[in-house]
Amino acid sequence: MSSSDSSVNSEEEVGIDGIGDAEFERDLPRVRANDPRVTELHVLGPFWNSIANMSVEDWEQLGHAISINTHLKEIAFEVQAFGSEVDGVFGSEVDYEKLSSFFRGLTGSNTINTVSMSNNHFGVQGVHDMTPFLQNTSTLTKLNIGCNNIGSEGFNLLWRALRASFTTRSYSARRFCSSTSWFFR
């Protein structure tokens, strides 16, 4: 159910689907206010001005707001959400400073059980930036980092970080965005 559904009553859970600037700008304060109806946050791509214009500090504050939210269970930041502008094209390269800041803020979360970071095109540095969160989470049960460029070095780093968190049950890392997937149970 989208949070834009006007028939939502106060007892229903609300998933926030990232469908545009207006919705993100409207719903972000609900995440920060720890609204018990908000259990999901999905941000799809840099194509919204609200994401494209977020500073490094904004990303860290968002990570922190999510980490102290006691109702949010699932987050998805997909399709070049951490992109930067190069030669007038937004999202063509990963802004690792934003990614690092987000995960620095997110470290300490004790309710997030699902993280999806697919199609962000990050490499080993992106896995490195996620490591403090991955090592300290006690609730993560599903991680999707499909369609990123982590290679074997990133995969090894990811595996070592996840071993420190025994709760993670499902991992997905698609190589080259094809049907080849690695799943561990």
Protein backbone atom coordinates (compact mmCIF):
# COMPACT_ATOMS: atom_id res chain seq x y z
CA MET A 1 0.00 0.00 0.00
CA SER A 2 1.32 3.41 -0.84
CA SER A 3 1.30 6.19 1.70
CA SER A 4 -0.54 8.32 -0.84
CA ASP A 5 -3.67 6.17 -0.38
CA SER A 6 -6.18 8.48 1.28
CA SER A 7 -8.07 5.58 2.85
CA VAL A 8 -5.22 4.68 5.23
CA ASN A 9 -6.33 4.56 8.84
CA SER A 10 -4.01 5.00 11.80
CA GLU A 11 -3.83 1.23 12.49
CA GLU A 12 -2.62 0.19 9.04
CA GLU A 13 1.02 -0.19 8.12
CA VAL A 14 2.18 2.12 5.40
CA GLY A 15 5.00 1.36 3.00
CA ILE A 16 6.55 4.41 1.44
CA ASP A 17 7.18 3.72 -2.21
CA GLY A 18 9.59 6.16 -3.77
CA ILE A 19 7.50 7.33 -6.67
CA GLY A 20 8.46 10.97 -6.93
CA ASP A 21 9.77 14.15 -5.37
CA ALA A 22 6.48 15.23 -3.80
CA GLU A 23 5.93 11.89 -2.12
CA PHE A 24 9.50 11.68 -0.83
CA GLU A 25 9.39 15.24 0.52
CA ARG A 26 6.02 14.55 2.15
CA ASP A 27 6.96 11.18 3.65
CA LEU A 28 10.52 11.84 4.84
CA PRO A 29 9.30 13.74 7.93
CA ARG A 30 7.19 10.65 8.81
CA VAL A 31 10.37 8.56 8.88
CA ARG A 32 12.10 11.15 11.03
CA ALA A 33 9.06 11.35 13.35
CA ASN A 34 9.12 7.57 13.88
CA ASP A 35 5.59 7.15 12.52
CA PRO A 36 4.57 3.60 13.52
CA ARG A 37 2.70 3.11 10.24
CA VAL A 38 5.88 3.54 8.19
CA THR A 39 7.63 0.19 7.83
CA GLU A 40 9.30 0.58 4.41
CA LEU A 41 11.25 3.26 2.56
CA HIS A 42 11.99 2.77 -1.13
CA VAL A 43 14.08 5.32 -3.01
CA LEU A 44 14.54 4.55 -6.67
CA GLY A 45 17.22 6.51 -8.43
CA PRO A 46 18.69 9.94 -8.67
CA PHE A 47 16.02 11.15 -11.03
CA TRP A 48 14.25 13.14 -8.36
CA ASN A 49 15.60 16.52 -7.42
CA SER A 50 15.16 15.71 -3.72
CA ILE A 51 17.69 12.86 -3.98
CA ALA A 52 19.99 14.47 -6.51
CA ASN A 53 20.33 17.59 -4.38
CA MET A 54 21.01 15.85 -1.05
CA SER A 55 24.34 16.82 0.47
CA VAL A 56 26.74 14.46 2.23
CA GLU A 57 25.38 15.78 5.54
CA ASP A 58 21.79 15.16 4.39
CA TRP A 59 22.66 11.53 3.61
CA GLU A 60 24.20 11.04 7.04
CA GLN A 61 21.18 12.63 8.73
CA LEU A 62 18.87 10.35 6.73
CA GLY A 63 20.89 7.31 7.79
CA HIS A 64 20.71 8.45 11.42
CA ALA A 65 16.94 9.09 11.20
CA ILE A 66 16.46 5.57 9.87
CA SER A 67 18.75 4.10 12.54
CA ILE A 68 16.71 5.56 15.39
CA ASN A 69 13.34 4.77 13.81
CA THR A 70 11.83 1.85 15.70
CA HIS A 71 9.22 0.87 13.09
CA LEU A 72 11.09 0.92 9.79
CA LYS A 73 11.94 -2.64 8.69
CA GLU A 74 12.89 -2.38 5.04
CA ILE A 75 14.94 0.14 3.09
CA ALA A 76 15.74 0.17 -0.60
CA PHE A 77 18.04 2.71 -2.24
CA GLU A 78 18.26 1.52 -5.82
CA VAL A 79 19.08 2.57 -9.37
CA GLN A 80 22.00 4.95 -8.89
CA ALA A 81 20.54 6.53 -5.77
CA PHE A 82 24.06 7.57 -4.71
CA GLY A 83 25.02 8.95 -8.09
CA SER A 84 26.95 12.10 -8.80
CA GLU A 85 26.86 14.44 -11.75
CA VAL A 86 29.66 14.07 -14.28
CA ASP A 87 29.67 16.11 -17.49
CA GLY A 88 26.02 17.03 -16.98
CA VAL A 89 24.86 13.43 -16.56
CA PHE A 90 23.57 12.60 -13.11
CA GLY A 91 24.13 9.12 -11.76
CA SER A 92 26.95 8.23 -14.14
CA GLU A 93 29.38 7.71 -11.22
CA VAL A 94 28.95 6.73 -7.58
CA ASP A 95 29.43 9.43 -4.97
CA TYR A 96 31.18 7.30 -2.35
CA GLU A 97 31.18 10.15 0.14
CA LYS A 98 27.35 10.12 0.13
CA LEU A 99 27.24 6.32 0.39
CA SER A 100 29.73 6.30 3.26
CA SER A 101 27.87 9.07 5.08
CA PHE A 102 24.56 7.24 4.75
CA PHE A 103 25.93 4.01 6.22
CA ARG A 104 27.81 5.89 8.93
CA GLY A 105 24.45 7.37 9.99
CA LEU A 106 22.67 4.02 9.64
CA THR A 107 25.12 2.12 11.86
CA GLY A 108 23.37 1.29 15.10
CA SER A 109 19.99 0.52 13.59
CA ASN A 110 18.26 -2.24 15.49
CA THR A 111 15.08 -2.66 13.45
CA ILE A 112 16.12 -2.83 9.78
CA ASN A 113 15.81 -6.40 8.53
CA THR A 114 15.96 -5.83 4.76
CA VAL A 115 18.39 -3.66 2.80
CA SER A 116 18.35 -3.43 -0.98
CA MET A 117 21.10 -1.47 -2.70
CA SER A 118 20.78 -2.91 -6.21
CA ASN A 119 21.76 -1.11 -9.40
CA ASN A 120 23.95 1.52 -7.74
CA HIS A 121 27.04 0.44 -9.69
CA PHE A 122 29.34 0.68 -6.70
CA GLY A 123 32.48 -1.37 -6.37
CA VAL A 124 34.68 -2.56 -3.52
CA GLN A 125 34.64 0.93 -1.97
CA GLY A 126 30.85 0.69 -1.65
CA VAL A 127 31.12 -2.60 0.25
CA HIS A 128 33.81 -1.05 2.44
CA ASP A 129 31.46 1.88 3.19
CA MET A 130 28.70 -0.57 4.22
CA THR A 131 30.98 -2.65 6.48
CA PRO A 132 30.44 -0.86 9.85
CA PHE A 133 26.66 -1.24 9.46
CA LEU A 134 26.93 -4.86 8.34
CA GLN A 135 29.23 -5.80 11.21
CA ASN A 136 27.05 -4.16 13.85
CA THR A 137 23.55 -5.08 12.76
CA SER A 138 21.68 -7.64 14.79
CA THR A 139 18.44 -7.62 12.80
CA LEU A 140 19.44 -7.83 9.12
CA THR A 141 17.97 -10.94 7.50
CA LYS A 142 18.08 -9.98 3.82
CA LEU A 143 20.64 -8.02 1.78
CA ASN A 144 20.38 -7.35 -1.96
CA ILE A 145 23.36 -5.74 -3.67
CA GLY A 146 22.61 -7.04 -7.15
CA CYS A 147 23.87 -5.20 -10.22
CA ASN A 148 26.84 -3.59 -8.53
CA ASN A 149 30.48 -4.08 -9.46
CA ILE A 150 31.92 -5.55 -6.28
CA GLY A 151 34.03 -8.29 -7.90
CA SER A 152 35.72 -11.03 -5.92
CA GLU A 153 37.52 -8.60 -3.60
CA GLY A 154 34.24 -6.91 -2.69
CA PHE A 155 32.52 -10.25 -2.28
CA ASN A 156 35.22 -11.42 0.15
CA LEU A 157 34.96 -8.16 2.12
CA LEU A 158 31.18 -8.51 2.19
CA TRP A 159 31.40 -12.11 3.37
CA ARG A 160 33.79 -11.21 6.21
CA ALA A 161 31.53 -8.35 7.32
CA LEU A 162 28.43 -10.52 7.27
CA ARG A 163 30.08 -13.31 9.23
CA ALA A 164 30.33 -10.84 12.12
CA SER A 165 26.53 -10.54 11.94
CA PHE A 166 25.16 -14.04 12.30
CA THR A 167 21.55 -13.02 11.70
CA THR A 168 21.78 -12.27 7.99
CA ARG A 169 20.00 -15.13 6.23
CA SER A 170 19.71 -14.22 2.56
CA TYR A 171 22.24 -12.50 0.35
CA SER A 172 21.85 -11.59 -3.29
CA ALA A 173 24.61 -10.27 -5.49
CA ARG A 174 23.95 -10.55 -9.19
CA ARG A 175 26.96 -10.40 -11.35
CA PHE A 176 26.62 -8.24 -14.48
CA CYS A 177 22.87 -7.87 -13.81
CA SER A 178 22.23 -11.21 -15.44
CA SER A 179 20.50 -14.29 -14.16
CA THR A 180 23.68 -15.37 -12.35
CA SER A 181 23.10 -14.93 -8.63
CA TRP A 182 24.80 -15.98 -5.46
CA PHE A 183 22.55 -16.98 -2.60
CA PHE A 184 23.68 -18.19 0.78
CA ARG A 185 21.50 -19.71 3.44
